Amino acid sequence: MTAELDPGTKTVCICGSFRHFDEMVTFRDALLASGVSCEWPTSELRRDPKTMTDAEGKAAIVAHLERMDRADVILVFNQDGWVGNSVAMEIGYAYARRKPLYALQPIPDQFLMGLLSGVVSSKKFIEITCSASPGPVDPRRPKAK
């Protein structure tokens, strides 16, 4: 299961557990060094979700969904294969928004796994987001007119 991105796709939003935040920032830096724009994680200070009010938590989720909307492709940063509730919600959102959706590892939940465009290594993900050549297009995405 692999679907490549439309030519010229350069904006990524990374979704993953905060327990891998430092690794996601390192991967974001590798994307940026390769010329790929990255919506999240940002360079802003990260706030522990446990310290947020309900309103602040909702605002943080909405802001992240807006970043996903701006991205051309979504990467599920699941180094250990696990995804939590928030990432599961983000996978569903990305699928509903017809975003190409990749993960670093297979997801144990077969139904979530079925929503992915592919499972790729971090190196392969950088290659396909930097590629200007068209490959197979995700059939869920409508063709540009």
N, C-alpha and C. Protein backbone atom coordinates (compact mmCIF):
# COMPACT_ATOMS: atom_id res chain seq x y z
N MET A 1 0.85 -1.17 0.00
CA MET A 1 0.00 0.00 0.00
C MET A 1 0.89 1.23 0.00
N THR A 2 1.08 1.83 -1.15
CA THR A 2 1.79 3.10 -1.22
C THR A 2 1.13 3.95 -2.28
N ALA A 3 0.93 5.17 -1.96
CA ALA A 3 0.45 6.15 -2.92
C ALA A 3 1.38 7.33 -2.79
N GLU A 4 1.89 7.79 -3.91
CA GLU A 4 2.82 8.91 -3.83
C GLU A 4 2.07 10.21 -3.98
N LEU A 5 2.77 11.27 -3.69
CA LEU A 5 2.18 12.60 -3.67
C LEU A 5 2.14 13.22 -5.05
N ASP A 6 1.23 14.17 -5.19
CA ASP A 6 1.20 14.95 -6.42
C ASP A 6 2.52 15.70 -6.56
N PRO A 7 2.95 16.01 -7.80
CA PRO A 7 4.21 16.72 -7.97
C PRO A 7 4.17 18.07 -7.26
N GLY A 8 5.31 18.44 -6.70
CA GLY A 8 5.43 19.74 -6.08
C GLY A 8 4.92 19.82 -4.65
N THR A 9 4.43 18.73 -4.11
CA THR A 9 3.94 18.75 -2.73
C THR A 9 5.10 18.99 -1.79
N LYS A 10 4.96 19.99 -0.92
CA LYS A 10 6.09 20.33 -0.07
C LYS A 10 5.72 20.65 1.37
N THR A 11 4.46 20.65 1.73
CA THR A 11 4.09 21.03 3.09
C THR A 11 3.58 19.83 3.87
N VAL A 12 4.18 19.60 5.04
CA VAL A 12 3.91 18.42 5.85
C VAL A 12 3.39 18.87 7.21
N CYS A 13 2.49 18.08 7.77
CA CYS A 13 2.11 18.21 9.17
C CYS A 13 2.37 16.86 9.83
N ILE A 14 3.15 16.89 10.89
CA ILE A 14 3.48 15.66 11.61
C ILE A 14 2.50 15.50 12.77
N CYS A 15 1.96 14.31 12.91
CA CYS A 15 1.06 13.98 14.02
C CYS A 15 1.71 12.86 14.81
N GLY A 16 1.75 13.01 16.11
CA GLY A 16 2.35 11.97 16.92
C GLY A 16 2.19 12.25 18.40
N SER A 17 2.56 11.28 19.19
CA SER A 17 2.48 11.38 20.64
C SER A 17 3.50 12.37 21.16
N PHE A 18 3.11 13.12 22.19
CA PHE A 18 4.04 14.05 22.81
C PHE A 18 5.22 13.33 23.45
N ARG A 19 5.09 12.03 23.69
CA ARG A 19 6.24 11.31 24.25
C ARG A 19 7.37 11.22 23.25
N HIS A 20 7.09 11.49 21.96
CA HIS A 20 8.13 11.50 20.92
C HIS A 20 8.39 12.91 20.41
N PHE A 21 8.04 13.92 21.20
CA PHE A 21 8.14 15.30 20.73
C PHE A 21 9.55 15.65 20.27
N ASP A 22 10.56 15.33 21.06
CA ASP A 22 11.94 15.69 20.68
C ASP A 22 12.34 15.03 19.37
N GLU A 23 11.94 13.77 19.17
CA GLU A 23 12.26 13.07 17.92
C GLU A 23 11.50 13.69 16.74
N MET A 24 10.25 14.14 16.99
CA MET A 24 9.48 14.80 15.92
C MET A 24 10.14 16.11 15.52
N VAL A 25 10.67 16.85 16.48
CA VAL A 25 11.37 18.10 16.18
C VAL A 25 12.62 17.81 15.35
N THR A 26 13.35 16.78 15.72
CA THR A 26 14.54 16.39 14.95
C THR A 26 14.15 16.03 13.52
N PHE A 27 13.06 15.28 13.36
CA PHE A 27 12.60 14.91 12.01
C PHE A 27 12.13 16.14 11.25
N ARG A 28 11.42 17.04 11.93
CA ARG A 28 11.01 18.30 11.29
C ARG A 28 12.23 19.04 10.76
N ASP A 29 13.29 19.10 11.56
CA ASP A 29 14.51 19.78 11.14
C ASP A 29 15.11 19.13 9.88
N ALA A 30 15.03 17.80 9.80
CA ALA A 30 15.52 17.10 8.60
C ALA A 30 14.66 17.45 7.39
N LEU A 31 13.35 17.55 7.58
CA LEU A 31 12.46 17.96 6.49
C LEU A 31 12.80 19.37 6.03
N LEU A 32 12.94 20.29 6.98
CA LEU A 32 13.26 21.68 6.64
C LEU A 32 14.59 21.77 5.89
N ALA A 33 15.58 21.00 6.34
CA ALA A 33 16.89 20.99 5.67
C ALA A 33 16.80 20.46 4.25
N SER A 34 15.78 19.65 3.98
CA SER A 34 15.57 19.09 2.63
C SER A 34 14.70 19.99 1.77
N GLY A 35 14.28 21.14 2.30
CA GLY A 35 13.46 22.07 1.54
C GLY A 35 11.97 21.83 1.67
N VAL A 36 11.56 21.00 2.61
CA VAL A 36 10.15 20.70 2.81
C VAL A 36 9.62 21.60 3.93
N SER A 37 8.50 22.24 3.69
CA SER A 37 7.87 23.08 4.70
C SER A 37 7.13 22.19 5.69
N CYS A 38 7.12 22.58 6.95
CA CYS A 38 6.50 21.75 7.97
C CYS A 38 5.60 22.60 8.86
N GLU A 39 4.31 22.25 8.93
CA GLU A 39 3.33 22.98 9.74
C GLU A 39 3.47 22.69 11.23
N TRP A 40 3.84 21.46 11.59
CA TRP A 40 3.98 21.09 12.99
C TRP A 40 4.94 19.93 13.10
N PRO A 41 5.78 19.83 14.09
CA PRO A 41 5.82 20.70 15.26
C PRO A 41 6.44 22.05 14.91
N THR A 42 6.06 23.04 15.67
CA THR A 42 6.57 24.38 15.46
C THR A 42 7.74 24.64 16.41
N SER A 43 8.37 25.77 16.24
CA SER A 43 9.49 26.12 17.11
C SER A 43 9.00 26.78 18.40
N GLU A 44 7.69 26.98 18.52
CA GLU A 44 7.14 27.57 19.73
C GLU A 44 7.35 26.62 20.91
N LEU A 45 7.34 27.19 22.10
CA LEU A 45 7.46 26.36 23.29
C LEU A 45 6.26 25.42 23.38
N ARG A 46 6.51 24.19 23.75
CA ARG A 46 5.44 23.21 23.90
C ARG A 46 4.91 23.28 25.33
N ARG A 47 3.63 23.28 25.43
CA ARG A 47 3.00 23.32 26.74
C ARG A 47 2.42 21.94 27.06
N ASP A 48 2.61 21.50 28.27
CA ASP A 48 2.08 20.21 28.71
C ASP A 48 0.56 20.26 28.67
N PRO A 49 -0.08 19.37 27.89
CA PRO A 49 -1.54 19.39 27.81
C PRO A 49 -2.23 19.23 29.16
N LYS A 50 -1.58 18.59 30.11
CA LYS A 50 -2.18 18.39 31.43
C LYS A 50 -2.35 19.70 32.20
N THR A 51 -1.64 20.75 31.77
CA THR A 51 -1.75 22.04 32.45
C THR A 51 -2.76 22.97 31.79
N MET A 52 -3.39 22.52 30.71
CA MET A 52 -4.33 23.36 29.97
C MET A 52 -5.74 23.26 30.53
N THR A 53 -6.47 24.36 30.42
CA THR A 53 -7.90 24.33 30.73
C THR A 53 -8.61 23.64 29.58
N ASP A 54 -9.88 23.31 29.76
CA ASP A 54 -10.65 22.70 28.67
C ASP A 54 -10.67 23.61 27.45
N ALA A 55 -10.86 24.90 27.65
CA ALA A 55 -10.90 25.85 26.53
C ALA A 55 -9.55 25.92 25.82
N GLU A 56 -8.46 25.90 26.58
CA GLU A 56 -7.13 25.93 25.98
C GLU A 56 -6.86 24.64 25.21
N GLY A 57 -7.29 23.52 25.76
CA GLY A 57 -7.12 22.25 25.07
C GLY A 57 -7.88 22.21 23.76
N LYS A 58 -9.12 22.70 23.78
CA LYS A 58 -9.92 22.75 22.56
C LYS A 58 -9.25 23.66 21.53
N ALA A 59 -8.77 24.82 21.98
CA ALA A 59 -8.11 25.75 21.06
C ALA A 59 -6.85 25.12 20.46
N ALA A 60 -6.11 24.36 21.24
CA ALA A 60 -4.90 23.69 20.74
C ALA A 60 -5.26 22.64 19.68
N ILE A 61 -6.33 21.89 19.92
CA ILE A 61 -6.77 20.88 18.94
C ILE A 61 -7.21 21.56 17.65
N VAL A 62 -8.02 22.60 17.76
CA VAL A 62 -8.50 23.31 16.57
C VAL A 62 -7.32 23.90 15.79
N ALA A 63 -6.34 24.47 16.50
CA ALA A 63 -5.16 25.03 15.81
C ALA A 63 -4.40 23.93 15.07
N HIS A 64 -4.30 22.74 15.68
CA HIS A 64 -3.59 21.65 15.01
C HIS A 64 -4.37 21.17 13.78
N LEU A 65 -5.68 21.08 13.88
CA LEU A 65 -6.49 20.68 12.72
C LEU A 65 -6.35 21.70 11.59
N GLU A 66 -6.24 22.98 11.93
CA GLU A 66 -6.02 24.01 10.91
C GLU A 66 -4.66 23.84 10.26
N ARG A 67 -3.64 23.46 11.04
CA ARG A 67 -2.32 23.19 10.47
C ARG A 67 -2.41 21.99 9.52
N MET A 68 -3.18 20.98 9.90
CA MET A 68 -3.36 19.83 9.02
C MET A 68 -4.05 20.25 7.73
N ASP A 69 -5.01 21.16 7.81
CA ASP A 69 -5.69 21.64 6.60
C ASP A 69 -4.71 22.34 5.66
N ARG A 70 -3.74 23.06 6.21
CA ARG A 70 -2.78 23.79 5.37
C ARG A 70 -1.74 22.87 4.74
N ALA A 71 -1.55 21.70 5.32
CA ALA A 71 -0.52 20.77 4.84
C ALA A 71 -1.00 20.01 3.61
N ASP A 72 -0.04 19.62 2.79
CA ASP A 72 -0.33 18.80 1.62
C ASP A 72 -0.34 17.32 1.97
N VAL A 73 0.40 16.96 2.99
CA VAL A 73 0.54 15.56 3.38
C VAL A 73 0.70 15.48 4.90
N ILE A 74 0.22 14.38 5.46
CA ILE A 74 0.28 14.16 6.90
C ILE A 74 1.17 12.95 7.17
N LEU A 75 2.04 13.09 8.18
CA LEU A 75 2.87 11.97 8.61
C LEU A 75 2.52 11.62 10.04
N VAL A 76 2.16 10.35 10.25
CA VAL A 76 1.94 9.83 11.59
C VAL A 76 3.31 9.37 12.09
N PHE A 77 3.82 10.08 13.08
CA PHE A 77 5.14 9.79 13.63
C PHE A 77 4.96 8.78 14.76
N ASN A 78 4.95 7.52 14.37
CA ASN A 78 4.69 6.43 15.33
C ASN A 78 5.86 5.47 15.35
N GLN A 79 6.98 5.93 15.84
CA GLN A 79 8.19 5.12 15.84
C GLN A 79 7.97 3.73 16.44
N ASP A 80 7.14 3.63 17.44
CA ASP A 80 6.91 2.35 18.10
C ASP A 80 5.64 1.65 17.61
N GLY A 81 4.99 2.20 16.59
CA GLY A 81 3.78 1.60 16.04
C GLY A 81 2.50 2.01 16.75
N TRP A 82 2.63 2.56 17.94
CA TRP A 82 1.46 2.90 18.76
C TRP A 82 0.93 4.28 18.38
N VAL A 83 -0.40 4.39 18.38
CA VAL A 83 -1.05 5.70 18.26
C VAL A 83 -2.08 5.82 19.38
N GLY A 84 -2.14 7.00 19.97
CA GLY A 84 -3.10 7.25 21.03
C GLY A 84 -4.38 7.83 20.49
N ASN A 85 -5.25 8.23 21.40
CA ASN A 85 -6.56 8.75 21.02
C ASN A 85 -6.47 9.98 20.12
N SER A 86 -5.60 10.92 20.47
CA SER A 86 -5.50 12.15 19.68
C SER A 86 -5.02 11.85 18.26
N VAL A 87 -4.01 10.99 18.15
CA VAL A 87 -3.49 10.67 16.81
C VAL A 87 -4.51 9.87 16.02
N ALA A 88 -5.26 9.00 16.67
CA ALA A 88 -6.33 8.27 15.97
C ALA A 88 -7.35 9.25 15.41
N MET A 89 -7.70 10.27 16.19
CA MET A 89 -8.63 11.31 15.72
C MET A 89 -8.02 12.05 14.53
N GLU A 90 -6.72 12.36 14.61
CA GLU A 90 -6.05 13.08 13.53
C GLU A 90 -6.00 12.23 12.25
N ILE A 91 -5.82 10.94 12.39
CA ILE A 91 -5.84 10.05 11.22
C ILE A 91 -7.20 10.11 10.54
N GLY A 92 -8.27 10.01 11.32
CA GLY A 92 -9.62 10.11 10.76
C GLY A 92 -9.87 11.45 10.10
N TYR A 93 -9.40 12.52 10.73
CA TYR A 93 -9.57 13.86 10.17
C TYR A 93 -8.83 13.99 8.84
N ALA A 94 -7.58 13.53 8.83
CA ALA A 94 -6.79 13.60 7.59
C ALA A 94 -7.45 12.81 6.47
N TYR A 95 -7.95 11.64 6.80
CA TYR A 95 -8.63 10.81 5.79
C TYR A 95 -9.87 11.53 5.27
N ALA A 96 -10.67 12.08 6.17
CA ALA A 96 -11.89 12.77 5.76
C ALA A 96 -11.58 14.00 4.91
N ARG A 97 -10.43 14.63 5.15
CA ARG A 97 -10.02 15.81 4.38
C ARG A 97 -9.27 15.41 3.10
N ARG A 98 -9.19 14.10 2.86
CA ARG A 98 -8.54 13.56 1.65
C ARG A 98 -7.07 13.92 1.54
N LYS A 99 -6.40 13.90 2.67
CA LYS A 99 -4.96 14.17 2.70
C LYS A 99 -4.19 12.86 2.54
N PRO A 100 -3.12 12.85 1.74
CA PRO A 100 -2.25 11.68 1.75
C PRO A 100 -1.73 11.51 3.18
N LEU A 101 -1.72 10.28 3.64
CA LEU A 101 -1.47 10.01 5.05
C LEU A 101 -0.50 8.84 5.17
N TYR A 102 0.68 9.12 5.70
CA TYR A 102 1.71 8.11 5.84
C TYR A 102 2.02 7.88 7.30
N ALA A 103 2.54 6.71 7.61
CA ALA A 103 3.01 6.39 8.96
C ALA A 103 4.40 5.77 8.85
N LEU A 104 5.17 5.90 9.94
CA LEU A 104 6.51 5.33 9.95
C LEU A 104 6.50 3.83 10.23
N GLN A 105 5.45 3.36 10.93
CA GLN A 105 5.33 1.95 11.29
C GLN A 105 3.88 1.52 11.04
N PRO A 106 3.66 0.23 10.80
CA PRO A 106 2.28 -0.24 10.72
C PRO A 106 1.54 0.06 12.02
N ILE A 107 0.25 0.31 11.91
CA ILE A 107 -0.59 0.59 13.07
C ILE A 107 -1.33 -0.69 13.42
N PRO A 108 -1.28 -1.11 14.68
CA PRO A 108 -1.93 -2.37 15.06
C PRO A 108 -3.43 -2.43 14.76
N ASP A 109 -4.12 -1.32 14.81
CA ASP A 109 -5.56 -1.30 14.54
C ASP A 109 -5.78 -1.38 13.02
N GLN A 110 -6.36 -2.50 12.57
CA GLN A 110 -6.51 -2.73 11.12
C GLN A 110 -7.38 -1.68 10.44
N PHE A 111 -8.34 -1.12 11.17
CA PHE A 111 -9.22 -0.14 10.55
C PHE A 111 -8.51 1.19 10.35
N LEU A 112 -7.70 1.60 11.33
CA LEU A 112 -6.87 2.80 11.14
C LEU A 112 -5.84 2.57 10.06
N MET A 113 -5.24 1.38 10.06
CA MET A 113 -4.23 1.04 9.06
C MET A 113 -4.80 1.18 7.65
N GLY A 114 -6.06 0.83 7.49
CA GLY A 114 -6.71 0.92 6.18
C GLY A 114 -6.90 2.34 5.68
N LEU A 115 -6.76 3.33 6.54
CA LEU A 115 -6.91 4.73 6.13
C LEU A 115 -5.62 5.34 5.62
N LEU A 116 -4.51 4.64 5.81
CA LEU A 116 -3.20 5.18 5.42
C LEU A 116 -2.97 5.06 3.91
N SER A 117 -2.21 6.00 3.39
CA SER A 117 -1.74 5.92 2.00
C SER A 117 -0.53 5.00 1.91
N GLY A 118 0.21 4.88 3.01
CA GLY A 118 1.37 4.01 3.00
C GLY A 118 2.12 4.06 4.31
N VAL A 119 2.98 3.07 4.49
CA VAL A 119 3.92 3.03 5.60
C VAL A 119 5.31 3.15 4.99
N VAL A 120 6.05 4.14 5.45
CA VAL A 120 7.35 4.45 4.85
C VAL A 120 8.38 4.74 5.94
N SER A 121 9.64 4.54 5.60
CA SER A 121 10.71 4.94 6.51
C SER A 121 10.81 6.46 6.50
N SER A 122 11.47 7.01 7.50
CA SER A 122 11.64 8.46 7.53
C SER A 122 12.43 8.93 6.31
N LYS A 123 13.43 8.15 5.90
CA LYS A 123 14.22 8.51 4.72
C LYS A 123 13.35 8.52 3.46
N LYS A 124 12.53 7.50 3.30
CA LYS A 124 11.65 7.42 2.12
C LYS A 124 10.63 8.56 2.14
N PHE A 125 10.12 8.91 3.33
CA PHE A 125 9.16 10.00 3.41
C PHE A 125 9.79 11.31 2.94
N ILE A 126 11.02 11.57 3.34
CA ILE A 126 11.71 12.78 2.88
C ILE A 126 11.89 12.73 1.37
N GLU A 127 12.25 11.57 0.84
CA GLU A 127 12.42 11.43 -0.61
C GLU A 127 11.13 11.76 -1.36
N ILE A 128 10.01 11.20 -0.91
CA ILE A 128 8.77 11.41 -1.67
C ILE A 128 8.22 12.82 -1.50
N THR A 129 8.50 13.47 -0.37
CA THR A 129 8.02 14.85 -0.22
C THR A 129 8.90 15.83 -0.97
N CYS A 130 10.13 15.43 -1.28
CA CYS A 130 11.03 16.29 -2.05
C CYS A 130 10.94 16.02 -3.54
N SER A 131 10.31 14.91 -3.91
CA SER A 131 10.24 14.50 -5.31
C SER A 131 9.34 15.42 -6.11
N ALA A 132 9.82 15.80 -7.29
CA ALA A 132 8.99 16.61 -8.19
C ALA A 132 8.35 15.75 -9.26
N SER A 133 8.68 14.46 -9.27
CA SER A 133 8.12 13.60 -10.31
C SER A 133 6.83 12.95 -9.81
N PRO A 134 5.82 12.92 -10.67
CA PRO A 134 4.57 12.31 -10.24
C PRO A 134 4.69 10.81 -10.13
N GLY A 135 4.01 10.26 -9.18
CA GLY A 135 3.91 8.82 -9.04
C GLY A 135 2.43 8.49 -8.99
N PRO A 136 2.09 7.31 -8.54
CA PRO A 136 0.67 7.01 -8.37
C PRO A 136 0.05 8.00 -7.40
N VAL A 137 -1.12 8.45 -7.71
CA VAL A 137 -1.81 9.43 -6.87
C VAL A 137 -2.80 8.70 -5.98
N ASP A 138 -2.93 9.13 -4.76
CA ASP A 138 -3.87 8.55 -3.82
C ASP A 138 -5.27 8.62 -4.44
N PRO A 139 -5.94 7.50 -4.63
CA PRO A 139 -7.24 7.51 -5.31
C PRO A 139 -8.33 8.25 -4.52
N ARG A 140 -8.10 8.52 -3.24
CA ARG A 140 -9.10 9.25 -2.45
C ARG A 140 -9.08 10.73 -2.78
N ARG A 141 -7.99 11.21 -3.38
CA ARG A 141 -7.86 12.64 -3.63
C ARG A 141 -8.45 12.97 -5.00
N PRO A 142 -9.30 13.96 -5.08
CA PRO A 142 -9.82 14.35 -6.39
C PRO A 142 -8.71 14.96 -7.23
N LYS A 143 -8.76 14.71 -8.51
CA LYS A 143 -7.76 15.27 -9.41
C LYS A 143 -7.99 16.77 -9.56
N ALA A 144 -6.88 17.50 -9.66
CA ALA A 144 -6.96 18.95 -9.87
C ALA A 144 -7.49 19.23 -11.27
N LYS A 145 -8.28 20.28 -11.38
CA LYS A 145 -8.84 20.62 -12.70
C LYS A 145 -8.12 21.79 -13.30
